[in-house]
PDB file of all heavy atoms in Angstrom:
ATOM      1  N   PRO A   1      63.948  41.119 -30.934  1.00  0.00           N
ATOM      2  CA  PRO A   1      64.816  41.777 -29.963  1.00  0.00           C
ATOM      3  C   PRO A   1      65.407  40.820 -28.931  1.00  0.00           C
ATOM      4  O   PRO A   1      66.522  41.033 -28.462  1.00  0.00           O
ATOM      5  CB  PRO A   1      63.912  42.803 -29.287  1.00  0.00           C
ATOM      6  CG  PRO A   1      62.690  42.901 -30.114  1.00  0.00           C
ATOM      7  CD  PRO A   1      62.622  41.690 -30.947  1.00  0.00           C
ATOM      8  N   GLU A   2      64.672  39.766 -28.593  1.00  0.00           N
ATOM      9  CA  GLU A   2      65.189  38.849 -27.590  1.00  0.00           C
ATOM     10  C   GLU A   2      66.298  37.962 -28.157  1.00  0.00           C
ATOM     11  O   GLU A   2      66.997  37.302 -27.411  1.00  0.00           O
ATOM     12  CB  GLU A   2      64.072  37.988 -26.993  1.00  0.00           C
ATOM     13  CG  GLU A   2      63.401  37.033 -27.949  1.00  0.00           C
ATOM     14  CD  GLU A   2      62.281  37.653 -28.771  1.00  0.00           C
ATOM     15  OE1 GLU A   2      61.970  38.844 -28.616  1.00  0.00           O
ATOM     16  OE2 GLU A   2      61.731  36.927 -29.593  1.00  0.00           O
ATOM     17  N   GLN A   3      66.451  37.962 -29.483  1.00  0.00           N
ATOM     18  CA  GLN A   3      67.508  37.178 -30.106  1.00  0.00           C
ATOM     19  C   GLN A   3      68.463  38.130 -30.804  1.00  0.00           C
ATOM     20  O   GLN A   3      68.099  39.209 -31.221  1.00  0.00           O
ATOM     21  CB  GLN A   3      66.907  36.200 -31.113  1.00  0.00           C
ATOM     22  CG  GLN A   3      65.978  35.186 -30.467  1.00  0.00           C
ATOM     23  CD  GLN A   3      65.324  34.291 -31.514  1.00  0.00           C
ATOM     24  OE1 GLN A   3      65.423  34.550 -32.691  1.00  0.00           O
ATOM     25  NE2 GLN A   3      64.663  33.255 -31.046  1.00  0.00           N
ATOM     26  N   THR A   4      69.665  37.721 -30.931  1.00  0.00           N
ATOM     27  CA  THR A   4      70.655  38.580 -31.568  1.00  0.00           C
ATOM     28  C   THR A   4      70.833  38.266 -33.037  1.00  0.00           C
ATOM     29  O   THR A   4      71.735  38.793 -33.665  1.00  0.00           O
ATOM     30  CB  THR A   4      72.012  38.413 -30.851  1.00  0.00           C
ATOM     31  OG1 THR A   4      72.386  37.042 -30.926  1.00  0.00           O
ATOM     32  CG2 THR A   4      71.934  38.885 -29.427  1.00  0.00           C
ATOM     33  N   GLU A   5      70.011  37.428 -33.558  1.00  0.00           N
ATOM     34  CA  GLU A   5      70.140  37.067 -34.966  1.00  0.00           C
ATOM     35  C   GLU A   5      68.802  37.221 -35.674  1.00  0.00           C
ATOM     36  O   GLU A   5      67.752  37.248 -35.056  1.00  0.00           O
ATOM     37  CB  GLU A   5      70.618  35.622 -35.104  1.00  0.00           C
ATOM     38  CG  GLU A   5      69.640  34.622 -34.527  1.00  0.00           C
ATOM     39  CD  GLU A   5      70.199  33.216 -34.531  1.00  0.00           C
ATOM     40  OE1 GLU A   5      71.326  33.015 -34.086  1.00  0.00           O
ATOM     41  OE2 GLU A   5      69.462  32.340 -35.007  1.00  0.00           O
ATOM     42  N   CYS A   6      68.869  37.354 -36.961  1.00  0.00           N
ATOM     43  CA  CYS A   6      67.661  37.390 -37.781  1.00  0.00           C
ATOM     44  C   CYS A   6      67.298  35.960 -38.142  1.00  0.00           C
ATOM     45  O   CYS A   6      68.154  35.129 -38.353  1.00  0.00           O
ATOM     46  CB  CYS A   6      67.904  38.177 -39.062  1.00  0.00           C
ATOM     47  SG  CYS A   6      68.055  39.941 -38.791  1.00  0.00           S
ATOM     48  N   ARG A   7      66.059  35.703 -38.177  1.00  0.00           N
ATOM     49  CA  ARG A   7      65.643  34.391 -38.649  1.00  0.00           C
ATOM     50  C   ARG A   7      64.498  34.579 -39.644  1.00  0.00           C
ATOM     51  O   ARG A   7      63.742  35.542 -39.589  1.00  0.00           O
ATOM     52  CB  ARG A   7      65.244  33.477 -37.510  1.00  0.00           C
ATOM     53  CG  ARG A   7      64.037  33.907 -36.752  1.00  0.00           C
ATOM     54  CD  ARG A   7      63.766  32.947 -35.628  1.00  0.00           C
ATOM     55  NE  ARG A   7      62.545  33.393 -34.968  1.00  0.00           N
ATOM     56  CZ  ARG A   7      61.711  32.608 -34.371  1.00  0.00           C
ATOM     57  NH1 ARG A   7      61.966  31.320 -34.307  1.00  0.00           N
ATOM     58  NH2 ARG A   7      60.632  33.079 -33.810  1.00  0.00           N
ATOM     59  N   THR A   8      64.377  33.632 -40.531  1.00  0.00           N
ATOM     60  CA  THR A   8      63.363  33.703 -41.566  1.00  0.00           C
ATOM     61  C   THR A   8      62.089  33.060 -41.046  1.00  0.00           C
ATOM     62  O   THR A   8      62.109  31.953 -40.532  1.00  0.00           O
ATOM     63  CB  THR A   8      63.840  32.966 -42.829  1.00  0.00           C
ATOM     64  OG1 THR A   8      65.078  33.528 -43.247  1.00  0.00           O
ATOM     65  CG2 THR A   8      62.825  33.075 -43.936  1.00  0.00           C
ATOM     66  N   ILE A   9      61.011  33.792 -41.170  1.00  0.00           N
ATOM     67  CA  ILE A   9      59.722  33.248 -40.772  1.00  0.00           C
ATOM     68  C   ILE A   9      58.776  33.333 -41.951  1.00  0.00           C
ATOM     69  O   ILE A   9      58.880  34.219 -42.793  1.00  0.00           O
ATOM     70  CB  ILE A   9      59.129  33.989 -39.553  1.00  0.00           C
ATOM     71  CG1 ILE A   9      58.937  35.478 -39.867  1.00  0.00           C
ATOM     72  CG2 ILE A   9      59.988  33.812 -38.327  1.00  0.00           C
ATOM     73  CD1 ILE A   9      58.166  36.224 -38.811  1.00  0.00           C
ATOM     74  N   ALA A  10      57.872  32.393 -42.009  1.00  0.00           N
ATOM     75  CA  ALA A  10      56.874  32.400 -43.082  1.00  0.00           C
ATOM     76  C   ALA A  10      55.788  33.401 -42.722  1.00  0.00           C
ATOM     77  O   ALA A  10      55.304  33.433 -41.601  1.00  0.00           O
ATOM     78  CB  ALA A  10      56.285  31.009 -43.250  1.00  0.00           C
ATOM     79  N   THR A  11      55.430  34.208 -43.677  1.00  0.00           N
ATOM     80  CA  THR A  11      54.354  35.170 -43.463  1.00  0.00           C
ATOM     81  C   THR A  11      53.276  34.939 -44.509  1.00  0.00           C
ATOM     82  O   THR A  11      53.548  34.543 -45.638  1.00  0.00           O
ATOM     83  CB  THR A  11      54.873  36.614 -43.578  1.00  0.00           C
ATOM     84  OG1 THR A  11      55.465  36.787 -44.867  1.00  0.00           O
ATOM     85  CG2 THR A  11      55.888  36.912 -42.503  1.00  0.00           C
ATOM     86  N   ALA A  12      52.070  35.183 -44.138  1.00  0.00           N
ATOM     87  CA  ALA A  12      50.955  35.029 -45.074  1.00  0.00           C
ATOM     88  C   ALA A  12      50.987  36.184 -46.057  1.00  0.00           C
ATOM     89  O   ALA A  12      51.201  37.330 -45.686  1.00  0.00           O
ATOM     90  CB  ALA A  12      49.641  35.002 -44.320  1.00  0.00           C
ATOM     91  N   ARG A  13      50.788  35.875 -47.302  1.00  0.00           N
ATOM     92  CA  ARG A  13      50.764  36.912 -48.329  1.00  0.00           C
ATOM     93  C   ARG A  13      49.452  37.678 -48.229  1.00  0.00           C
ATOM     94  O   ARG A  13      48.409  37.119 -47.988  1.00  0.00           O
ATOM     95  CB  ARG A  13      50.918  36.286 -49.702  1.00  0.00           C
ATOM     96  CG  ARG A  13      52.241  35.537 -49.833  1.00  0.00           C
ATOM     97  CD  ARG A  13      52.354  34.925 -51.161  1.00  0.00           C
ATOM     98  NE  ARG A  13      52.840  35.971 -52.059  1.00  0.00           N
ATOM     99  CZ  ARG A  13      53.141  35.768 -53.320  1.00  0.00           C
ATOM    100  NH1 ARG A  13      52.988  34.596 -53.850  1.00  0.00           N
ATOM    101  NH2 ARG A  13      53.588  36.752 -54.061  1.00  0.00           N
ATOM    102  N   GLN A  14      49.537  38.954 -48.442  1.00  0.00           N
ATOM    103  CA  GLN A  14      48.369  39.826 -48.354  1.00  0.00           C
ATOM    104  C   GLN A  14      47.815  40.077 -49.756  1.00  0.00           C
ATOM    105  O   GLN A  14      47.717  41.204 -50.208  1.00  0.00           O
ATOM    106  CB  GLN A  14      48.746  41.143 -47.676  1.00  0.00           C
ATOM    107  CG  GLN A  14      49.247  40.984 -46.271  1.00  0.00           C
ATOM    108  CD  GLN A  14      48.195  40.397 -45.354  1.00  0.00           C
ATOM    109  OE1 GLN A  14      47.023  40.714 -45.458  1.00  0.00           O
ATOM    110  NE2 GLN A  14      48.615  39.517 -44.460  1.00  0.00           N
ATOM    111  N   ILE A  15      47.437  38.997 -50.444  1.00  0.00           N
ATOM    112  CA  ILE A  15      46.897  39.092 -51.795  1.00  0.00           C
ATOM    113  C   ILE A  15      45.444  38.646 -51.746  1.00  0.00           C
ATOM    114  O   ILE A  15      45.112  37.665 -51.096  1.00  0.00           O
ATOM    115  CB  ILE A  15      47.707  38.201 -52.766  1.00  0.00           C
ATOM    116  CG1 ILE A  15      49.153  38.694 -52.843  1.00  0.00           C
ATOM    117  CG2 ILE A  15      47.066  38.195 -54.142  1.00  0.00           C
ATOM    118  CD1 ILE A  15      50.051  37.810 -53.660  1.00  0.00           C
ATOM    119  N   ALA A  16      44.607  39.370 -52.447  1.00  0.00           N
ATOM    120  CA  ALA A  16      43.189  39.013 -52.483  1.00  0.00           C
ATOM    121  C   ALA A  16      43.024  37.641 -53.119  1.00  0.00           C
ATOM    122  O   ALA A  16      43.705  37.327 -54.082  1.00  0.00           O
ATOM    123  CB  ALA A  16      42.414  40.050 -53.279  1.00  0.00           C
ATOM    124  N   PRO A  17      42.144  36.824 -52.582  1.00  0.00           N
ATOM    125  CA  PRO A  17      41.945  35.502 -53.176  1.00  0.00           C
ATOM    126  C   PRO A  17      41.391  35.625 -54.592  1.00  0.00           C
ATOM    127  O   PRO A  17      40.576  36.498 -54.879  1.00  0.00           O
ATOM    128  CB  PRO A  17      40.937  34.831 -52.253  1.00  0.00           C
ATOM    129  CG  PRO A  17      40.281  35.935 -51.512  1.00  0.00           C
ATOM    130  CD  PRO A  17      41.273  37.061 -51.458  1.00  0.00           C
ATOM    131  N   ARG A  18      41.856  34.764 -55.451  1.00  0.00           N
ATOM    132  CA  ARG A  18      41.430  34.793 -56.842  1.00  0.00           C
ATOM    133  C   ARG A  18      40.051  34.142 -56.947  1.00  0.00           C
ATOM    134  O   ARG A  18      39.832  33.055 -56.466  1.00  0.00           O
ATOM    135  CB  ARG A  18      42.431  34.042 -57.695  1.00  0.00           C
ATOM    136  CG  ARG A  18      42.114  34.106 -59.146  1.00  0.00           C
ATOM    137  CD  ARG A  18      43.152  33.413 -59.939  1.00  0.00           C
ATOM    138  NE  ARG A  18      42.702  33.337 -61.306  1.00  0.00           N
ATOM    139  CZ  ARG A  18      43.496  33.270 -62.335  1.00  0.00           C
ATOM    140  NH1 ARG A  18      44.783  33.249 -62.147  1.00  0.00           N
ATOM    141  NH2 ARG A  18      43.026  33.204 -63.543  1.00  0.00           N
ATOM    142  N   THR A  19      39.163  34.841 -57.609  1.00  0.00           N
ATOM    143  CA  THR A  19      37.823  34.296 -57.767  1.00  0.00           C
ATOM    144  C   THR A  19      37.788  33.371 -58.977  1.00  0.00           C
ATOM    145  O   THR A  19      38.514  33.570 -59.940  1.00  0.00           O
ATOM    146  CB  THR A  19      36.794  35.418 -57.950  1.00  0.00           C
ATOM    147  OG1 THR A  19      37.155  36.173 -59.101  1.00  0.00           O
ATOM    148  CG2 THR A  19      36.735  36.312 -56.735  1.00  0.00           C
ATOM    149  N   GLN A  20      36.953  32.382 -58.901  1.00  0.00           N
ATOM    150  CA  GLN A  20      36.769  31.449 -59.999  1.00  0.00           C
ATOM    151  C   GLN A  20      35.352  31.599 -60.524  1.00  0.00           C
ATOM    152  O   GLN A  20      34.428  31.878 -59.764  1.00  0.00           O
ATOM    153  CB  GLN A  20      36.989  30.022 -59.524  1.00  0.00           C
ATOM    154  CG  GLN A  20      38.399  29.743 -59.103  1.00  0.00           C
ATOM    155  CD  GLN A  20      38.570  28.291 -58.667  1.00  0.00           C
ATOM    156  OE1 GLN A  20      37.598  27.557 -58.566  1.00  0.00           O
ATOM    157  NE2 GLN A  20      39.783  27.900 -58.404  1.00  0.00           N
ATOM    158  N   PRO A  21      35.174  31.396 -61.829  1.00  0.00           N
ATOM    159  CA  PRO A  21      33.821  31.482 -62.364  1.00  0.00           C
ATOM    160  C   PRO A  21      32.975  30.326 -61.850  1.00  0.00           C
ATOM    161  O   PRO A  21      33.498  29.279 -61.479  1.00  0.00           O
ATOM    162  CB  PRO A  21      34.027  31.396 -63.877  1.00  0.00           C
ATOM    163  CG  PRO A  21      35.375  30.848 -64.076  1.00  0.00           C
ATOM    164  CD  PRO A  21      36.172  31.158 -62.855  1.00  0.00           C
ATOM    165  N   PRO A  22      31.660  30.492 -61.826  1.00  0.00           N
ATOM    166  CA  PRO A  22      30.780  29.404 -61.389  1.00  0.00           C
ATOM    167  C   PRO A  22      30.939  28.166 -62.273  1.00  0.00           C
ATOM    168  O   PRO A  22      31.236  28.272 -63.463  1.00  0.00           O
ATOM    169  CB  PRO A  22      29.374  29.990 -61.536  1.00  0.00           C
ATOM    170  CG  PRO A  22      29.563  31.461 -61.581  1.00  0.00           C
ATOM    171  CD  PRO A  22      30.921  31.707 -62.142  1.00  0.00           C
ATOM    172  N   CYS A  23      30.712  27.017 -61.678  1.00  0.00           N
ATOM    173  CA  CYS A  23      30.889  25.753 -62.401  1.00  0.00           C
ATOM    174  C   CYS A  23      29.973  25.648 -63.619  1.00  0.00           C
ATOM    175  O   CYS A  23      30.380  25.132 -64.659  1.00  0.00           O
ATOM    176  CB  CYS A  23      30.647  24.577 -61.470  1.00  0.00           C
ATOM    177  SG  CYS A  23      31.963  24.342 -60.273  1.00  0.00           S
ATOM    178  N   TYR A  24      28.749  26.160 -63.508  1.00  0.00           N
ATOM    179  CA  TYR A  24      27.842  26.033 -64.646  1.00  0.00           C
ATOM    180  C   TYR A  24      28.326  26.851 -65.840  1.00  0.00           C
ATOM    181  O   TYR A  24      28.112  26.455 -66.998  1.00  0.00           O
ATOM    182  CB  TYR A  24      26.405  26.412 -64.260  1.00  0.00           C
ATOM    183  CG  TYR A  24      26.123  27.884 -64.182  1.00  0.00           C
ATOM    184  CD1 TYR A  24      25.623  28.574 -65.280  1.00  0.00           C
ATOM    185  CD2 TYR A  24      26.353  28.596 -63.007  1.00  0.00           C
ATOM    186  CE1 TYR A  24      25.357  29.929 -65.210  1.00  0.00           C
ATOM    187  CE2 TYR A  24      26.084  29.944 -62.935  1.00  0.00           C
ATOM    188  CZ  TYR A  24      25.591  30.609 -64.031  1.00  0.00           C
ATOM    189  OH  TYR A  24      25.333  31.951 -63.965  1.00  0.00           O
ATOM    190  N   LYS A  25      28.990  27.972 -65.583  1.00  0.00           N
ATOM    191  CA  LYS A  25      29.522  28.773 -66.688  1.00  0.00           C
ATOM    192  C   LYS A  25      30.696  28.058 -67.357  1.00  0.00           C
ATOM    193  O   LYS A  25      30.817  28.064 -68.586  1.00  0.00           O
ATOM    194  CB  LYS A  25      29.953  30.153 -66.191  1.00  0.00           C
ATOM    195  CG  LYS A  25      28.778  31.039 -65.842  1.00  0.00           C
ATOM    196  CD  LYS A  25      29.240  32.418 -65.444  1.00  0.00           C
ATOM    197  CE  LYS A  25      28.066  33.322 -65.134  1.00  0.00           C
ATOM    198  NZ  LYS A  25      28.486  34.688 -64.828  1.00  0.00           N
ATOM    199  N   MET A  26      31.559  27.436 -66.563  1.00  0.00           N
ATOM    200  CA  MET A  26      32.669  26.682 -67.141  1.00  0.00           C
ATOM    201  C   MET A  26      32.149  25.465 -67.896  1.00  0.00           C
ATOM    202  O   MET A  26      32.690  25.095 -68.940  1.00  0.00           O
ATOM    203  CB  MET A  26      33.660  26.264 -66.057  1.00  0.00           C
ATOM    204  CG  MET A  26      34.469  27.419 -65.500  1.00  0.00           C
ATOM    205  SD  MET A  26      35.339  28.388 -66.762  1.00  0.00           S
ATOM    206  CE  MET A  26      36.458  27.183 -67.424  1.00  0.00           C
ATOM    207  N   PHE A  27      31.094  24.831 -67.376  1.00  0.00           N
ATOM    208  CA  PHE A  27      30.469  23.705 -68.066  1.00  0.00           C
ATOM    209  C   PHE A  27      29.977  24.141 -69.445  1.00  0.00           C
ATOM    210  O   PHE A  27      30.250  23.487 -70.462  1.00  0.00           O
ATOM    211  CB  PHE A  27      29.314  23.156 -67.224  1.00  0.00           C
ATOM    212  CG  PHE A  27      28.389  22.255 -67.979  1.00  0.00           C
ATOM    213  CD1 PHE A  27      28.730  20.935 -68.219  1.00  0.00           C
ATOM    214  CD2 PHE A  27      27.176  22.729 -68.452  1.00  0.00           C
ATOM    215  CE1 PHE A  27      27.871  20.098 -68.925  1.00  0.00           C
ATOM    216  CE2 PHE A  27      26.316  21.903 -69.151  1.00  0.00           C
ATOM    217  CZ  PHE A  27      26.660  20.584 -69.389  1.00  0.00           C
ATOM    218  N   LEU A  28      29.235  25.248 -69.496  1.00  0.00           N
ATOM    219  CA  LEU A  28      28.694  25.723 -70.769  1.00  0.00           C
ATOM    220  C   LEU A  28      29.794  26.132 -71.741  1.00  0.00           C
ATOM    221  O   LEU A  28      29.725  25.829 -72.937  1.00  0.00           O
ATOM    222  CB  LEU A  28      27.738  26.900 -70.526  1.00  0.00           C
ATOM    223  CG  LEU A  28      26.427  26.562 -69.835  1.00  0.00           C
ATOM    224  CD1 LEU A  28      25.657  27.841 -69.495  1.00  0.00           C
ATOM    225  CD2 LEU A  28      25.592  25.645 -70.708  1.00  0.00           C
ATOM    226  N   LEU A  29      30.819  26.795 -71.244  1.00  0.00           N
ATOM    227  CA  LEU A  29      31.916  27.222 -72.103  1.00  0.00           C
ATOM    228  C   LEU A  29      32.694  26.023 -72.644  1.00  0.00           C
ATOM    229  O   LEU A  29      33.061  25.995 -73.819  1.00  0.00           O
ATOM    230  CB  LEU A  29      32.848  28.159 -71.324  1.00  0.00           C
ATOM    231  CG  LEU A  29      33.803  28.992 -72.144  1.00  0.00           C
ATOM    232  CD1 LEU A  29      33.042  29.938 -73.059  1.00  0.00           C
ATOM    233  CD2 LEU A  29      34.724  29.778 -71.241  1.00  0.00           C
ATOM    234  N   THR A  30      32.913  25.023 -71.807  1.00  0.00           N
ATOM    235  CA  THR A  30      33.619  23.822 -72.248  1.00  0.00           C
ATOM    236  C   THR A  30      32.788  23.062 -73.275  1.00  0.00           C
ATOM    237  O   THR A  30      33.312  22.590 -74.290  1.00  0.00           O
ATOM    238  CB  THR A  30      33.932  22.918 -71.041  1.00  0.00           C
ATOM    239  OG1 THR A  30      34.689  23.674 -70.092  1.00  0.00           O
ATOM    240  CG2 THR A  30      34.731  21.710 -71.451  1.00  0.00           C
ATOM    241  N   TRP A  31      31.509  22.958 -73.037  1.00  0.00           N
ATOM    242  CA  TRP A  31      30.625  22.288 -73.984  1.00  0.00           C
ATOM    243  C   TRP A  31      30.594  23.041 -75.316  1.00  0.00           C
ATOM    244  O   TRP A  31      30.616  22.429 -76.387  1.00  0.00           O
ATOM    245  CB  TRP A  31      29.239  22.186 -73.383  1.00  0.00           C
ATOM    246  CG  TRP A  31      28.299  21.273 -74.088  1.00  0.00           C
ATOM    247  CD1 TRP A  31      28.595  20.344 -75.055  1.00  0.00           C
ATOM    248  CD2 TRP A  31      26.895  21.191 -73.884  1.00  0.00           C
ATOM    249  NE1 TRP A  31      27.456  19.698 -75.445  1.00  0.00           N
ATOM    250  CE2 TRP A  31      26.401  20.191 -74.748  1.00  0.00           C
ATOM    251  CE3 TRP A  31      26.021  21.855 -73.051  1.00  0.00           C
ATOM    252  CZ2 TRP A  31      25.058  19.857 -74.799  1.00  0.00           C
ATOM    253  CZ3 TRP A  31      24.683  21.511 -73.097  1.00  0.00           C
ATOM    254  CH2 TRP A  31      24.212  20.521 -73.962  1.00  0.00           C
ATOM    255  N   LEU A  32      30.555  24.363 -75.231  1.00  0.00           N
ATOM    256  CA  LEU A  32      30.577  25.188 -76.428  1.00  0.00           C
ATOM    257  C   LEU A  32      31.845  24.946 -77.250  1.00  0.00           C
ATOM    258  O   LEU A  32      31.836  25.026 -78.474  1.00  0.00           O
ATOM    259  CB  LEU A  32      30.483  26.673 -76.041  1.00  0.00           C
ATOM    260  CG  LEU A  32      30.566  27.700 -77.157  1.00  0.00           C
ATOM    261  CD1 LEU A  32      29.318  27.646 -78.020  1.00  0.00           C
ATOM    262  CD2 LEU A  32      30.753  29.081 -76.576  1.00  0.00           C
ATOM    263  N   ALA A  33      32.935  24.618 -76.590  1.00  0.00           N
ATOM    264  CA  ALA A  33      34.194  24.371 -77.281  1.00  0.00           C
ATOM    265  C   ALA A  33      34.309  22.933 -77.787  1.00  0.00           C
ATOM    266  O   ALA A  33      34.764  22.695 -78.906  1.00  0.00           O
ATOM    267  CB  ALA A  33      35.363  24.682 -76.351  1.00  0.00           C
ATOM    268  N   ILE A  34      33.913  21.969 -76.981  1.00  0.00           N
ATOM    269  CA  ILE A  34      34.131  20.564 -77.323  1.00  0.00           C
ATOM    270  C   ILE A  34      33.203  20.095 -78.449  1.00  0.00           C
ATOM    271  O   ILE A  34      33.644  19.365 -79.341  1.00  0.00           O
ATOM    272  CB  ILE A  34      33.973  19.677 -76.070  1.00  0.00           C
ATOM    273  CG1 ILE A  34      35.191  19.857 -75.186  1.00  0.00           C
ATOM    274  CG2 ILE A  34      33.795  18.219 -76.436  1.00  0.00           C
ATOM    275  CD1 ILE A  34      35.152  19.066 -73.913  1.00  0.00           C
ATOM    276  N   TYR A  35      31.948  20.486 -78.425  1.00  0.00           N
ATOM    277  CA  TYR A  35      31.001  19.994 -79.429  1.00  0.00           C
ATOM    278  C   TYR A  35      31.459  20.292 -80.863  1.00  0.00           C
ATOM    279  O   TYR A  35      31.523  19.385 -81.698  1.00  0.00           O
ATOM    280  CB  TYR A  35      29.599  20.543 -79.167  1.00  0.00           C
ATOM    281  CG  TYR A  35      28.589  20.023 -80.155  1.00  0.00           C
ATOM    282  CD1 TYR A  35      28.096  18.732 -80.048  1.00  0.00           C
ATOM    283  CD2 TYR A  35      28.159  20.815 -81.206  1.00  0.00           C
ATOM    284  CE1 TYR A  35      27.189  18.235 -80.964  1.00  0.00           C
ATOM    285  CE2 TYR A  35      27.257  20.336 -82.127  1.00  0.00           C
ATOM    286  CZ  TYR A  35      26.774  19.047 -82.012  1.00  0.00           C
ATOM    287  OH  TYR A  35      25.883  18.570 -82.929  1.00  0.00           O
ATOM    288  N   PRO A  36      31.812  21.541 -81.195  1.00  0.00           N
ATOM    289  CA  PRO A  36      32.270  21.788 -82.571  1.00  0.00           C
ATOM    290  C   PRO A  36      33.607  21.110 -82.885  1.00  0.00           C
ATOM    291  O   PRO A  36      33.834  20.708 -84.025  1.00  0.00           O
ATOM    292  CB  PRO A  36      32.405  23.304 -82.675  1.00  0.00           C
ATOM    293  CG  PRO A  36      31.937  23.871 -81.413  1.00  0.00           C
ATOM    294  CD  PRO A  36      31.651  22.786 -80.453  1.00  0.00           C
ATOM    295  N   LEU A  37      34.476  20.982 -81.877  1.00  0.00           N
ATOM    296  CA  LEU A  37      35.746  20.314 -82.137  1.00  0.00           C
ATOM    297  C   LEU A  37      35.551  18.846 -82.493  1.00  0.00           C
ATOM    298  O   LEU A  37      36.141  18.347 -83.455  1.00  0.00           O
ATOM    299  CB  LEU A  37      36.674  20.432 -80.922  1.00  0.00           C
ATOM    300  CG  LEU A  37      37.369  21.767 -80.728  1.00  0.00           C
ATOM    301  CD1 LEU A  37      38.171  21.761 -79.434  1.00  0.00           C
ATOM    302  CD2 LEU A  37      38.286  22.065 -81.897  1.00  0.00           C
ATOM    303  N   ILE A  38      34.754  18.141 -81.709  1.00  0.00           N
ATOM    304  CA  ILE A  38      34.517  16.724 -81.996  1.00  0.00           C
ATOM    305  C   ILE A  38      33.812  16.559 -83.339  1.00  0.00           C
ATOM    306  O   ILE A  38      34.169  15.691 -84.141  1.00  0.00           O
ATOM    307  CB  ILE A  38      33.704  16.067 -80.864  1.00  0.00           C
ATOM    308  CG1 ILE A  38      34.554  15.954 -79.614  1.00  0.00           C
ATOM    309  CG2 ILE A  38      33.197  14.686 -81.282  1.00  0.00           C
ATOM    310  CD1 ILE A  38      33.835  15.393 -78.408  1.00  0.00           C
ATOM    311  N   THR A  39      32.826  17.414 -83.598  1.00  0.00           N
ATOM    312  CA  THR A  39      32.119  17.351 -84.876  1.00  0.00           C
ATOM    313  C   THR A  39      33.076  17.591 -86.040  1.00  0.00           C
ATOM    314  O   THR A  39      33.059  16.859 -87.035  1.00  0.00           O
ATOM    315  CB  THR A  39      30.972  18.378 -84.901  1.00  0.00           C
ATOM    316  OG1 THR A  39      30.128  18.143 -83.776  1.00  0.00           O
ATOM    317  CG2 THR A  39      30.174  18.290 -86.180  1.00  0.00           C
ATOM    318  N   GLY A  40      33.940  18.590 -85.904  1.00  0.00           N
ATOM    319  CA  GLY A  40      34.912  18.884 -86.961  1.00  0.00           C
ATOM    320  C   GLY A  40      35.923  17.771 -87.174  1.00  0.00           C
ATOM    321  O   GLY A  40      36.263  17.432 -88.313  1.00  0.00           O
ATOM    322  N   ILE A  41      36.390  17.186 -86.081  1.00  0.00           N
ATOM    323  CA  ILE A  41      37.351  16.083 -86.197  1.00  0.00           C
ATOM    324  C   ILE A  41      36.709  14.895 -86.909  1.00  0.00           C
ATOM    325  O   ILE A  41      37.314  14.275 -87.789  1.00  0.00           O
ATOM    326  CB  ILE A  41      37.899  15.694 -84.808  1.00  0.00           C
ATOM    327  CG1 ILE A  41      38.828  16.795 -84.285  1.00  0.00           C
ATOM    328  CG2 ILE A  41      38.642  14.366 -84.865  1.00  0.00           C
ATOM    329  CD1 ILE A  41      39.248  16.621 -82.841  1.00  0.00           C
ATOM    330  N   TYR A  42      35.460  14.573 -86.544  1.00  0.00           N
ATOM    331  CA  TYR A  42      34.785  13.457 -87.207  1.00  0.00           C
ATOM    332  C   TYR A  42      34.467  13.766 -88.671  1.00  0.00           C
ATOM    333  O   TYR A  42      34.527  12.876 -89.519  1.00  0.00           O
ATOM    334  CB  TYR A  42      33.520  13.048 -86.458  1.00  0.00           C
ATOM    335  CG  TYR A  42      33.800  12.051 -85.369  1.00  0.00           C
ATOM    336  CD1 TYR A  42      33.495  12.342 -84.047  1.00  0.00           C
ATOM    337  CD2 TYR A  42      34.382  10.824 -85.647  1.00  0.00           C
ATOM    338  CE1 TYR A  42      33.753  11.435 -83.038  1.00  0.00           C
ATOM    339  CE2 TYR A  42      34.650   9.903 -84.655  1.00  0.00           C
ATOM    340  CZ  TYR A  42      34.335  10.209 -83.345  1.00  0.00           C
ATOM    341  OH  TYR A  42      34.597   9.314 -82.357  1.00  0.00           O
ATOM    342  N   LEU A  43      34.148  15.006 -88.988  1.00  0.00           N
ATOM    343  CA  LEU A  43      33.898  15.360 -90.388  1.00  0.00           C
ATOM    344  C   LEU A  43      35.167  15.255 -91.227  1.00  0.00           C
ATOM    345  O   LEU A  43      35.142  14.795 -92.366  1.00  0.00           O
ATOM    346  CB  LEU A  43      33.324  16.773 -90.489  1.00  0.00           C
ATOM    347  CG  LEU A  43      31.853  16.933 -90.138  1.00  0.00           C
ATOM    348  CD1 LEU A  43      31.462  18.404 -90.144  1.00  0.00           C
ATOM    349  CD2 LEU A  43      30.988  16.144 -91.109  1.00  0.00           C
ATOM    350  N   LEU A  44      36.285  15.711 -90.659  1.00  0.00           N
ATOM    351  CA  LEU A  44      37.540  15.694 -91.413  1.00  0.00           C
ATOM    352  C   LEU A  44      38.202  14.319 -91.453  1.00  0.00           C
ATOM    353  O   LEU A  44      38.755  13.921 -92.473  1.00  0.00           O
ATOM    354  CB  LEU A  44      38.520  16.712 -90.810  1.00  0.00           C
ATOM    355  CG  LEU A  44      38.130  18.183 -90.937  1.00  0.00           C
ATOM    356  CD1 LEU A  44      39.088  19.059 -90.157  1.00  0.00           C
ATOM    357  CD2 LEU A  44      38.104  18.595 -92.395  1.00  0.00           C
TER     358      LEU A  44
END
C-alpha cells in the first residue's frame, strides 16, 4: 500500500520437506544391486 507499484518478492514455498531413506538402507540396496552386476559382468 505504501508503494504504487507491484514488486516481485521471493516467498518460501509451503511444501513439506522430502524425506530421505536412512543411509544404511541405501547402502544395503546399492550393495544388493552392485554385487550381482559386477559378478555378471565378470562372468560374461
